[in-house]
Amino acid sequence: MRAERNLRMATIGLGYYTHKVVKPLRKSYDKVRTHPKLCLIGVDVYANISQGMFTSTNSSGTTGSIFGITTDEGFRVFEANLLNPHISSQLYWQSQSFSVNFGVRAGLLYYYNGVGIGDYTQEERILAASLIEDTPVANLEYDLMISKGNNRLETFLQLSWNNSGNALLNNSAAVSFGLKLNIPSLIESIRKKR
């Protein structure tokens, strides 16, 4: 049995942020590479609204397709549109090459226009209908990110988890690792070196 969940969202928001200069954690520092005024502690708060689509697919390896075409036993697809108004806030500490961010997002999930196709049991159909009819569902998400680098390239490690009463969401924690590349800043640094 293979299960996949996809969530595609577009978000727009408006917010406020502020920061304060703090002393570096280490008193001894390389003045060429680091400056104490580059150590900041700050907070931001945003009001956002997200719109998108949630898709859940379960397959036991049989052939089948979606919407209007016959599906074989063991193949199930559930799709629903999703509206998510939420407030997000982040507290961060940042030096020239290292930062720690802790974020919280609180909001409501509105599922609508849900469609279930395939080999669903009667209990699963009732559950799917109730998830659409009983919205909104409160959702609380957290993330902790540690990153190291500069204003052109950063590596990051992020831990995310949520606390939701919605059966469509995965309440387990997720860990992600990656690179963040600031292309305009990288281009600007190349131009300055010429």
N, C-alpha and C. Protein backbone atom coordinates (compact mmCIF):
# COMPACT_ATOMS: atom_id res chain seq x y z
N MET A 1 0.85 -1.19 0.00
CA MET A 1 0.00 0.00 0.00
C MET A 1 0.88 1.24 0.00
N ARG A 2 0.64 2.15 -0.93
CA ARG A 2 1.39 3.39 -1.00
C ARG A 2 0.44 4.55 -0.74
N ALA A 3 0.86 5.48 0.11
CA ALA A 3 0.02 6.63 0.44
C ALA A 3 0.80 7.91 0.15
N GLU A 4 0.13 8.86 -0.47
CA GLU A 4 0.74 10.15 -0.76
C GLU A 4 -0.23 11.25 -0.35
N ARG A 5 0.33 12.32 0.20
CA ARG A 5 -0.46 13.50 0.52
C ARG A 5 0.24 14.71 -0.06
N ASN A 6 -0.52 15.52 -0.77
CA ASN A 6 0.03 16.73 -1.37
C ASN A 6 -0.81 17.93 -0.96
N LEU A 7 -0.13 19.02 -0.70
CA LEU A 7 -0.80 20.27 -0.34
C LEU A 7 -0.15 21.39 -1.14
N ARG A 8 -0.91 22.02 -1.99
CA ARG A 8 -0.42 23.15 -2.79
C ARG A 8 -1.14 24.41 -2.30
N MET A 9 -0.36 25.40 -1.87
CA MET A 9 -0.94 26.59 -1.27
C MET A 9 -0.29 27.86 -1.82
N ALA A 10 -1.06 28.92 -1.92
CA ALA A 10 -0.56 30.26 -2.19
C ALA A 10 -0.95 31.12 -1.00
N THR A 11 0.00 31.93 -0.51
CA THR A 11 -0.22 32.71 0.71
C THR A 11 0.09 34.17 0.47
N ILE A 12 -0.74 35.05 1.05
CA ILE A 12 -0.47 36.48 1.06
C ILE A 12 -0.66 36.96 2.49
N GLY A 13 0.17 37.91 2.92
CA GLY A 13 0.09 38.37 4.30
C GLY A 13 0.60 39.79 4.48
N LEU A 14 0.31 40.33 5.62
CA LEU A 14 0.74 41.67 5.99
C LEU A 14 1.19 41.61 7.44
N GLY A 15 2.34 42.23 7.74
CA GLY A 15 2.83 42.08 9.10
C GLY A 15 3.76 43.19 9.56
N TYR A 16 4.36 42.95 10.70
CA TYR A 16 5.24 43.91 11.35
C TYR A 16 6.42 43.15 11.95
N TYR A 17 7.61 43.74 11.86
CA TYR A 17 8.76 43.13 12.52
C TYR A 17 9.62 44.21 13.15
N THR A 18 10.34 43.81 14.18
CA THR A 18 11.25 44.72 14.86
C THR A 18 12.42 43.91 15.41
N HIS A 19 13.54 44.59 15.64
CA HIS A 19 14.69 43.91 16.21
C HIS A 19 15.50 44.87 17.08
N LYS A 20 16.36 44.29 17.88
CA LYS A 20 17.20 45.07 18.78
C LYS A 20 18.63 44.52 18.69
N VAL A 21 19.59 45.42 18.69
CA VAL A 21 20.99 45.02 18.67
C VAL A 21 21.37 44.49 20.06
N VAL A 22 22.02 43.34 20.08
CA VAL A 22 22.46 42.74 21.34
C VAL A 22 23.95 42.42 21.25
N LYS A 23 24.55 42.15 22.41
CA LYS A 23 25.97 41.80 22.44
C LYS A 23 26.17 40.38 21.91
N PRO A 24 27.31 40.13 21.28
CA PRO A 24 27.57 38.78 20.79
C PRO A 24 27.73 37.80 21.95
N LEU A 25 27.50 36.52 21.67
CA LEU A 25 27.63 35.51 22.71
C LEU A 25 29.08 35.36 23.17
N ARG A 26 30.02 35.51 22.24
CA ARG A 26 31.43 35.41 22.59
C ARG A 26 32.04 36.81 22.62
N LYS A 27 32.80 37.09 23.66
CA LYS A 27 33.43 38.41 23.76
C LYS A 27 34.60 38.54 22.81
N SER A 28 35.30 37.44 22.57
CA SER A 28 36.41 37.48 21.62
C SER A 28 35.88 37.12 20.24
N TYR A 29 36.14 37.98 19.26
CA TYR A 29 35.66 37.74 17.92
C TYR A 29 36.64 38.32 16.91
N ASP A 30 36.57 37.80 15.71
CA ASP A 30 37.41 38.28 14.63
C ASP A 30 36.75 39.51 14.03
N LYS A 31 37.40 40.68 14.18
CA LYS A 31 36.78 41.94 13.73
C LYS A 31 36.63 41.99 12.21
N VAL A 32 37.41 41.21 11.50
CA VAL A 32 37.29 41.21 10.06
C VAL A 32 36.01 40.49 9.63
N ARG A 33 35.68 39.40 10.32
CA ARG A 33 34.55 38.57 9.91
C ARG A 33 33.25 38.90 10.65
N THR A 34 33.33 39.39 11.87
CA THR A 34 32.13 39.58 12.69
C THR A 34 32.19 40.94 13.38
N HIS A 35 31.05 41.50 13.60
CA HIS A 35 30.96 42.77 14.32
C HIS A 35 29.81 42.66 15.32
N PRO A 36 30.00 43.12 16.55
CA PRO A 36 28.94 42.94 17.55
C PRO A 36 27.61 43.56 17.17
N LYS A 37 27.59 44.61 16.36
CA LYS A 37 26.34 45.23 15.98
C LYS A 37 25.52 44.37 15.02
N LEU A 38 26.13 43.32 14.50
CA LEU A 38 25.40 42.43 13.61
C LEU A 38 24.65 41.35 14.36
N CYS A 39 24.74 41.33 15.69
CA CYS A 39 23.96 40.38 16.49
C CYS A 39 22.63 41.03 16.84
N LEU A 40 21.55 40.38 16.46
CA LEU A 40 20.22 40.94 16.65
C LEU A 40 19.32 39.91 17.31
N ILE A 41 18.35 40.42 18.07
CA ILE A 41 17.24 39.59 18.52
C ILE A 41 15.98 40.31 18.05
N GLY A 42 15.06 39.55 17.48
CA GLY A 42 13.90 40.22 16.90
C GLY A 42 12.66 39.36 16.92
N VAL A 43 11.57 39.97 16.51
CA VAL A 43 10.28 39.29 16.46
C VAL A 43 9.50 39.84 15.27
N ASP A 44 8.73 38.97 14.62
CA ASP A 44 7.81 39.45 13.59
C ASP A 44 6.46 38.78 13.77
N VAL A 45 5.42 39.49 13.34
CA VAL A 45 4.04 39.00 13.44
C VAL A 45 3.35 39.32 12.12
N TYR A 46 2.69 38.31 11.54
CA TYR A 46 2.01 38.49 10.27
C TYR A 46 0.60 37.92 10.32
N ALA A 47 -0.32 38.59 9.65
CA ALA A 47 -1.66 38.05 9.40
C ALA A 47 -1.67 37.57 7.96
N ASN A 48 -2.02 36.32 7.74
CA ASN A 48 -1.94 35.71 6.41
C ASN A 48 -3.24 35.03 6.04
N ILE A 49 -3.41 34.84 4.74
CA ILE A 49 -4.48 33.99 4.25
C ILE A 49 -3.91 33.12 3.14
N SER A 50 -4.20 31.83 3.20
CA SER A 50 -3.70 30.87 2.23
C SER A 50 -4.87 30.18 1.53
N GLN A 51 -4.70 29.91 0.25
CA GLN A 51 -5.72 29.23 -0.56
C GLN A 51 -5.01 28.12 -1.33
N GLY A 52 -5.64 26.93 -1.39
CA GLY A 52 -4.99 25.86 -2.12
C GLY A 52 -5.83 24.62 -2.22
N MET A 53 -5.15 23.49 -2.50
CA MET A 53 -5.83 22.21 -2.67
C MET A 53 -5.07 21.11 -1.95
N PHE A 54 -5.83 20.25 -1.27
CA PHE A 54 -5.28 19.09 -0.57
C PHE A 54 -5.66 17.84 -1.35
N THR A 55 -4.69 16.94 -1.57
CA THR A 55 -4.94 15.67 -2.26
C THR A 55 -4.33 14.53 -1.46
N SER A 56 -5.13 13.49 -1.24
CA SER A 56 -4.64 12.28 -0.57
C SER A 56 -4.91 11.09 -1.50
N THR A 57 -3.85 10.33 -1.80
CA THR A 57 -3.95 9.18 -2.70
C THR A 57 -3.45 7.93 -2.00
N ASN A 58 -4.23 6.87 -2.02
CA ASN A 58 -3.82 5.57 -1.48
C ASN A 58 -3.94 4.54 -2.60
N SER A 59 -2.90 3.77 -2.80
CA SER A 59 -2.90 2.78 -3.87
C SER A 59 -2.25 1.49 -3.39
N SER A 60 -2.85 0.37 -3.76
CA SER A 60 -2.28 -0.93 -3.41
C SER A 60 -1.51 -1.52 -4.58
N GLY A 61 -1.22 -0.70 -5.57
CA GLY A 61 -0.45 -1.16 -6.72
C GLY A 61 -1.30 -1.52 -7.92
N THR A 62 -2.63 -1.44 -7.81
CA THR A 62 -3.49 -1.73 -8.94
C THR A 62 -3.56 -0.53 -9.87
N THR A 63 -3.93 -0.78 -11.11
CA THR A 63 -4.03 0.32 -12.06
C THR A 63 -5.34 1.04 -11.86
N GLY A 64 -5.36 2.31 -12.20
CA GLY A 64 -6.58 3.09 -12.06
C GLY A 64 -6.31 4.53 -12.41
N SER A 65 -7.34 5.33 -12.51
CA SER A 65 -7.17 6.75 -12.79
C SER A 65 -8.24 7.51 -12.02
N ILE A 66 -8.29 8.79 -12.26
CA ILE A 66 -9.09 9.65 -11.40
C ILE A 66 -10.18 10.36 -12.20
N PHE A 67 -11.32 10.59 -11.59
CA PHE A 67 -12.41 11.42 -12.08
C PHE A 67 -12.94 11.00 -13.45
N GLY A 68 -14.01 10.22 -13.41
CA GLY A 68 -14.68 9.84 -14.63
C GLY A 68 -14.23 8.53 -15.23
N ILE A 69 -13.10 7.98 -14.77
CA ILE A 69 -12.58 6.73 -15.30
C ILE A 69 -12.64 5.69 -14.20
N THR A 70 -12.98 4.45 -14.54
CA THR A 70 -13.13 3.39 -13.55
C THR A 70 -11.84 3.16 -12.77
N THR A 71 -11.96 3.02 -11.45
CA THR A 71 -10.80 2.73 -10.61
C THR A 71 -10.90 1.31 -10.11
N ASP A 72 -9.76 0.64 -10.03
CA ASP A 72 -9.72 -0.72 -9.52
C ASP A 72 -9.74 -0.73 -8.00
N GLU A 73 -10.03 -1.87 -7.43
CA GLU A 73 -10.11 -1.99 -5.98
C GLU A 73 -8.76 -1.66 -5.35
N GLY A 74 -8.78 -0.94 -4.27
CA GLY A 74 -7.55 -0.58 -3.56
C GLY A 74 -7.01 0.77 -3.94
N PHE A 75 -7.64 1.46 -4.88
CA PHE A 75 -7.17 2.78 -5.31
C PHE A 75 -8.15 3.83 -4.81
N ARG A 76 -7.66 4.81 -4.05
CA ARG A 76 -8.53 5.82 -3.47
C ARG A 76 -7.90 7.20 -3.59
N VAL A 77 -8.71 8.16 -3.93
CA VAL A 77 -8.26 9.54 -4.04
C VAL A 77 -9.27 10.43 -3.32
N PHE A 78 -8.75 11.34 -2.50
CA PHE A 78 -9.60 12.34 -1.87
C PHE A 78 -9.00 13.71 -2.16
N GLU A 79 -9.81 14.62 -2.68
CA GLU A 79 -9.35 15.99 -2.97
C GLU A 79 -10.31 16.98 -2.35
N ALA A 80 -9.77 18.10 -1.89
CA ALA A 80 -10.60 19.17 -1.35
C ALA A 80 -9.86 20.49 -1.48
N ASN A 81 -10.62 21.55 -1.73
CA ASN A 81 -10.04 22.89 -1.68
C ASN A 81 -9.86 23.28 -0.22
N LEU A 82 -8.93 24.18 0.03
CA LEU A 82 -8.59 24.54 1.40
C LEU A 82 -8.37 26.04 1.51
N LEU A 83 -8.98 26.64 2.52
CA LEU A 83 -8.76 28.05 2.86
C LEU A 83 -8.21 28.09 4.28
N ASN A 84 -7.12 28.84 4.48
CA ASN A 84 -6.43 28.83 5.77
C ASN A 84 -6.04 30.24 6.21
N PRO A 85 -6.97 30.98 6.87
CA PRO A 85 -6.54 32.24 7.48
C PRO A 85 -5.75 31.93 8.75
N HIS A 86 -4.61 32.61 8.93
CA HIS A 86 -3.78 32.31 10.10
C HIS A 86 -2.91 33.50 10.47
N ILE A 87 -2.44 33.45 11.72
CA ILE A 87 -1.49 34.44 12.24
C ILE A 87 -0.19 33.71 12.50
N SER A 88 0.91 34.27 12.04
CA SER A 88 2.21 33.66 12.27
C SER A 88 3.12 34.64 13.00
N SER A 89 3.94 34.10 13.87
CA SER A 89 4.89 34.91 14.62
C SER A 89 6.21 34.16 14.71
N GLN A 90 7.28 34.90 14.75
CA GLN A 90 8.61 34.30 14.79
C GLN A 90 9.51 35.11 15.71
N LEU A 91 10.24 34.41 16.54
CA LEU A 91 11.26 35.00 17.40
C LEU A 91 12.60 34.50 16.90
N TYR A 92 13.57 35.41 16.73
CA TYR A 92 14.85 34.98 16.18
C TYR A 92 16.03 35.68 16.85
N TRP A 93 17.15 34.98 16.84
CA TRP A 93 18.45 35.54 17.22
C TRP A 93 19.36 35.35 16.02
N GLN A 94 20.10 36.41 15.66
CA GLN A 94 20.88 36.35 14.43
C GLN A 94 22.21 37.06 14.61
N SER A 95 23.26 36.38 14.17
CA SER A 95 24.58 37.01 14.05
C SER A 95 24.90 37.10 12.57
N GLN A 96 26.12 37.47 12.23
CA GLN A 96 26.47 37.61 10.82
C GLN A 96 26.40 36.28 10.08
N SER A 97 26.73 35.18 10.76
CA SER A 97 26.80 33.90 10.05
C SER A 97 25.95 32.79 10.67
N PHE A 98 25.17 33.08 11.72
CA PHE A 98 24.43 32.04 12.42
C PHE A 98 23.12 32.62 12.91
N SER A 99 22.04 31.84 12.81
CA SER A 99 20.76 32.31 13.33
C SER A 99 19.92 31.15 13.84
N VAL A 100 19.06 31.47 14.82
CA VAL A 100 18.11 30.51 15.39
C VAL A 100 16.73 31.16 15.34
N ASN A 101 15.76 30.46 14.75
CA ASN A 101 14.41 31.00 14.62
C ASN A 101 13.42 30.02 15.22
N PHE A 102 12.44 30.54 15.97
CA PHE A 102 11.34 29.73 16.47
C PHE A 102 10.04 30.39 16.03
N GLY A 103 9.22 29.64 15.31
CA GLY A 103 7.99 30.21 14.77
C GLY A 103 6.75 29.46 15.21
N VAL A 104 5.62 30.18 15.28
CA VAL A 104 4.32 29.61 15.64
C VAL A 104 3.30 30.15 14.64
N ARG A 105 2.44 29.25 14.13
CA ARG A 105 1.35 29.64 13.26
C ARG A 105 0.05 29.09 13.82
N ALA A 106 -0.93 29.96 14.02
CA ALA A 106 -2.24 29.56 14.54
C ALA A 106 -3.31 30.00 13.55
N GLY A 107 -4.20 29.09 13.21
CA GLY A 107 -5.22 29.47 12.25
C GLY A 107 -6.36 28.49 12.18
N LEU A 108 -7.21 28.69 11.19
CA LEU A 108 -8.38 27.84 10.95
C LEU A 108 -8.27 27.23 9.56
N LEU A 109 -8.69 25.97 9.44
CA LEU A 109 -8.69 25.28 8.16
C LEU A 109 -10.13 25.09 7.69
N TYR A 110 -10.45 25.61 6.51
CA TYR A 110 -11.76 25.44 5.90
C TYR A 110 -11.60 24.54 4.67
N TYR A 111 -12.12 23.32 4.74
CA TYR A 111 -12.13 22.43 3.57
C TYR A 111 -13.48 22.57 2.88
N TYR A 112 -13.48 22.59 1.54
CA TYR A 112 -14.73 22.67 0.81
C TYR A 112 -14.56 22.02 -0.57
N ASN A 113 -15.66 21.72 -1.21
CA ASN A 113 -15.69 21.05 -2.52
C ASN A 113 -14.88 19.76 -2.48
N GLY A 114 -15.08 18.95 -1.46
CA GLY A 114 -14.36 17.70 -1.35
C GLY A 114 -14.94 16.60 -2.25
N VAL A 115 -14.05 15.79 -2.81
CA VAL A 115 -14.45 14.69 -3.68
C VAL A 115 -13.65 13.45 -3.29
N GLY A 116 -14.35 12.33 -3.08
CA GLY A 116 -13.67 11.06 -2.81
C GLY A 116 -14.01 10.05 -3.88
N ILE A 117 -12.98 9.43 -4.46
CA ILE A 117 -13.17 8.47 -5.55
C ILE A 117 -12.41 7.20 -5.21
N GLY A 118 -13.02 6.04 -5.47
CA GLY A 118 -12.30 4.79 -5.31
C GLY A 118 -12.95 3.88 -4.28
N ASP A 119 -12.17 2.97 -3.77
CA ASP A 119 -12.62 1.90 -2.89
C ASP A 119 -12.65 2.37 -1.44
N TYR A 120 -13.57 3.26 -1.10
CA TYR A 120 -13.72 3.75 0.27
C TYR A 120 -14.75 2.89 1.01
N THR A 121 -14.50 2.65 2.28
CA THR A 121 -15.51 1.99 3.11
C THR A 121 -16.57 3.03 3.48
N GLN A 122 -17.69 2.56 3.98
CA GLN A 122 -18.76 3.47 4.38
C GLN A 122 -18.30 4.38 5.51
N GLU A 123 -17.51 3.83 6.45
CA GLU A 123 -17.00 4.64 7.57
C GLU A 123 -16.07 5.76 7.07
N GLU A 124 -15.23 5.44 6.07
CA GLU A 124 -14.33 6.45 5.53
C GLU A 124 -15.09 7.54 4.79
N ARG A 125 -16.17 7.17 4.10
CA ARG A 125 -16.98 8.18 3.41
C ARG A 125 -17.66 9.11 4.42
N ILE A 126 -18.12 8.55 5.53
CA ILE A 126 -18.74 9.38 6.58
C ILE A 126 -17.70 10.32 7.18
N LEU A 127 -16.49 9.80 7.42
CA LEU A 127 -15.42 10.63 7.98
C LEU A 127 -15.06 11.75 7.02
N ALA A 128 -14.91 11.44 5.73
CA ALA A 128 -14.56 12.46 4.73
C ALA A 128 -15.63 13.54 4.66
N ALA A 129 -16.91 13.13 4.70
CA ALA A 129 -18.00 14.10 4.66
C ALA A 129 -17.99 14.99 5.90
N SER A 130 -17.71 14.39 7.07
CA SER A 130 -17.70 15.18 8.30
C SER A 130 -16.56 16.17 8.32
N LEU A 131 -15.42 15.82 7.69
CA LEU A 131 -14.29 16.75 7.65
C LEU A 131 -14.63 17.99 6.85
N ILE A 132 -15.46 17.82 5.82
CA ILE A 132 -15.88 18.97 5.02
C ILE A 132 -16.97 19.75 5.73
N GLU A 133 -17.96 19.05 6.29
CA GLU A 133 -19.12 19.72 6.87
C GLU A 133 -18.80 20.39 8.20
N ASP A 134 -17.88 19.82 8.97
CA ASP A 134 -17.62 20.32 10.32
C ASP A 134 -16.52 21.37 10.39
N THR A 135 -16.05 21.87 9.27
CA THR A 135 -15.01 22.90 9.29
C THR A 135 -15.61 24.18 9.83
N PRO A 136 -14.87 25.09 10.37
CA PRO A 136 -13.40 25.12 10.37
C PRO A 136 -12.79 24.25 11.47
N VAL A 137 -11.53 23.90 11.24
CA VAL A 137 -10.76 23.13 12.22
C VAL A 137 -9.59 23.99 12.67
N ALA A 138 -9.38 24.09 13.98
CA ALA A 138 -8.25 24.87 14.51
C ALA A 138 -6.95 24.12 14.26
N ASN A 139 -5.92 24.85 13.91
CA ASN A 139 -4.62 24.24 13.63
C ASN A 139 -3.52 25.10 14.24
N LEU A 140 -2.57 24.45 14.90
CA LEU A 140 -1.44 25.13 15.52
C LEU A 140 -0.16 24.44 15.06
N GLU A 141 0.74 25.21 14.44
CA GLU A 141 1.98 24.66 13.91
C GLU A 141 3.17 25.36 14.54
N TYR A 142 4.26 24.62 14.68
CA TYR A 142 5.51 25.15 15.25
C TYR A 142 6.67 24.77 14.33
N ASP A 143 7.69 25.60 14.31
CA ASP A 143 8.93 25.19 13.65
C ASP A 143 10.13 25.84 14.33
N LEU A 144 11.21 25.10 14.33
CA LEU A 144 12.48 25.55 14.88
C LEU A 144 13.52 25.39 13.78
N MET A 145 14.20 26.50 13.43
CA MET A 145 15.19 26.46 12.37
C MET A 145 16.52 27.00 12.86
N ILE A 146 17.57 26.27 12.54
CA ILE A 146 18.95 26.71 12.81
C ILE A 146 19.64 26.82 11.47
N SER A 147 20.25 27.97 11.20
CA SER A 147 20.90 28.15 9.90
C SER A 147 22.27 28.80 10.08
N LYS A 148 23.14 28.50 9.15
CA LYS A 148 24.49 29.04 9.16
C LYS A 148 24.88 29.41 7.75
N GLY A 149 25.51 30.55 7.60
CA GLY A 149 25.94 31.02 6.29
C GLY A 149 26.06 32.52 6.26
N ASN A 150 25.82 33.09 5.09
CA ASN A 150 25.87 34.54 4.93
C ASN A 150 24.65 35.00 4.15
N ASN A 151 24.67 36.27 3.70
CA ASN A 151 23.47 36.78 3.03
C ASN A 151 23.34 36.26 1.60
N ARG A 152 24.28 35.43 1.14
CA ARG A 152 24.19 34.83 -0.19
C ARG A 152 23.79 33.36 -0.16
N LEU A 153 24.37 32.60 0.79
CA LEU A 153 24.13 31.16 0.85
C LEU A 153 24.07 30.71 2.30
N GLU A 154 23.01 29.97 2.63
CA GLU A 154 22.84 29.46 4.00
C GLU A 154 22.47 27.98 3.94
N THR A 155 22.99 27.21 4.89
CA THR A 155 22.50 25.86 5.12
C THR A 155 21.55 25.93 6.31
N PHE A 156 20.52 25.10 6.32
CA PHE A 156 19.57 25.15 7.43
C PHE A 156 19.10 23.75 7.80
N LEU A 157 18.73 23.62 9.06
CA LEU A 157 18.11 22.43 9.61
C LEU A 157 16.82 22.88 10.28
N GLN A 158 15.68 22.29 9.90
CA GLN A 158 14.39 22.74 10.42
C GLN A 158 13.59 21.56 10.95
N LEU A 159 13.00 21.76 12.12
CA LEU A 159 12.10 20.79 12.73
C LEU A 159 10.72 21.44 12.78
N SER A 160 9.71 20.74 12.23
CA SER A 160 8.34 21.26 12.19
C SER A 160 7.38 20.23 12.77
N TRP A 161 6.37 20.70 13.46
CA TRP A 161 5.33 19.82 13.97
C TRP A 161 4.05 20.62 14.15
N ASN A 162 2.92 19.92 14.21
CA ASN A 162 1.65 20.63 14.38
C ASN A 162 0.77 19.90 15.36
N ASN A 163 -0.24 20.62 15.84
CA ASN A 163 -1.21 20.08 16.79
C ASN A 163 -2.59 20.39 16.24
N SER A 164 -3.18 19.42 15.57
CA SER A 164 -4.47 19.64 14.93
C SER A 164 -5.39 18.47 15.22
N GLY A 165 -6.68 18.77 15.33
CA GLY A 165 -7.67 17.72 15.50
C GLY A 165 -8.19 17.20 14.18
N ASN A 166 -7.55 17.58 13.06
CA ASN A 166 -8.04 17.19 11.76
C ASN A 166 -7.36 15.92 11.29
N ALA A 167 -8.15 14.91 10.93
CA ALA A 167 -7.59 13.63 10.50
C ALA A 167 -6.85 13.71 9.17
N LEU A 168 -7.08 14.79 8.39
CA LEU A 168 -6.39 14.91 7.11
C LEU A 168 -4.94 15.34 7.28
N LEU A 169 -4.59 15.88 8.43
CA LEU A 169 -3.23 16.38 8.62
C LEU A 169 -2.37 15.35 9.32
N ASN A 170 -1.10 15.38 8.99
CA ASN A 170 -0.14 14.49 9.63
C ASN A 170 0.39 15.19 10.87
N ASN A 171 0.09 14.65 12.06
CA ASN A 171 0.49 15.31 13.29
C ASN A 171 1.90 14.96 13.75
N SER A 172 2.61 14.15 12.98
CA SER A 172 3.97 13.81 13.37
C SER A 172 4.93 14.93 12.98
N ALA A 173 6.10 14.92 13.60
CA ALA A 173 7.10 15.95 13.32
C ALA A 173 7.81 15.64 12.00
N ALA A 174 8.33 16.68 11.38
CA ALA A 174 9.09 16.53 10.14
C ALA A 174 10.41 17.28 10.29
N VAL A 175 11.46 16.69 9.76
CA VAL A 175 12.79 17.31 9.78
C VAL A 175 13.21 17.57 8.34
N SER A 176 13.69 18.77 8.08
CA SER A 176 14.18 19.09 6.73
C SER A 176 15.53 19.76 6.81
N PHE A 177 16.33 19.52 5.80
CA PHE A 177 17.67 20.08 5.70
C PHE A 177 17.84 20.62 4.29
N GLY A 178 18.50 21.76 4.14
CA GLY A 178 18.65 22.28 2.79
C GLY A 178 19.55 23.49 2.72
N LEU A 179 19.54 24.10 1.54
CA LEU A 179 20.33 25.30 1.25
C LEU A 179 19.38 26.41 0.84
N LYS A 180 19.66 27.63 1.29
CA LYS A 180 18.93 28.80 0.85
C LYS A 180 19.90 29.68 0.07
N LEU A 181 19.54 29.99 -1.17
CA LEU A 181 20.39 30.79 -2.04
C LEU A 181 19.69 32.10 -2.35
N ASN A 182 20.35 33.22 -2.04
CA ASN A 182 19.83 34.54 -2.34
C ASN A 182 20.46 34.99 -3.65
N ILE A 183 19.76 34.77 -4.75
CA ILE A 183 20.33 35.02 -6.07
C ILE A 183 20.66 36.50 -6.30
N PRO A 184 19.77 37.47 -5.97
CA PRO A 184 20.15 38.88 -6.18
C PRO A 184 21.40 39.28 -5.39
N SER A 185 21.52 38.81 -4.16
CA SER A 185 22.71 39.13 -3.36
C SER A 185 23.96 38.49 -3.95
N LEU A 186 23.83 37.27 -4.47
CA LEU A 186 24.95 36.58 -5.08
C LEU A 186 25.40 37.31 -6.34
N ILE A 187 24.47 37.75 -7.16
CA ILE A 187 24.80 38.50 -8.38
C ILE A 187 25.49 39.81 -8.03
N GLU A 188 24.98 40.49 -7.00
CA GLU A 188 25.58 41.76 -6.57
C GLU A 188 27.01 41.57 -6.09
N SER A 189 27.28 40.49 -5.35
CA SER A 189 28.64 40.25 -4.85
C SER A 189 29.60 39.94 -6.00
N ILE A 190 29.11 39.25 -7.05
CA ILE A 190 29.94 38.96 -8.22
C ILE A 190 30.26 40.24 -8.95
N ARG A 191 29.28 41.13 -9.09
CA ARG A 191 29.52 42.42 -9.76
C ARG A 191 30.55 43.26 -9.03
N LYS A 192 30.50 43.25 -7.70
CA LYS A 192 31.45 44.05 -6.91
C LYS A 192 32.88 43.55 -7.05
N LYS A 193 33.04 42.24 -7.28
CA LYS A 193 34.38 41.66 -7.40
C LYS A 193 35.04 41.96 -8.75
N ARG A 194 34.23 42.34 -9.72
CA ARG A 194 34.76 42.64 -11.07
C ARG A 194 35.44 43.99 -11.13
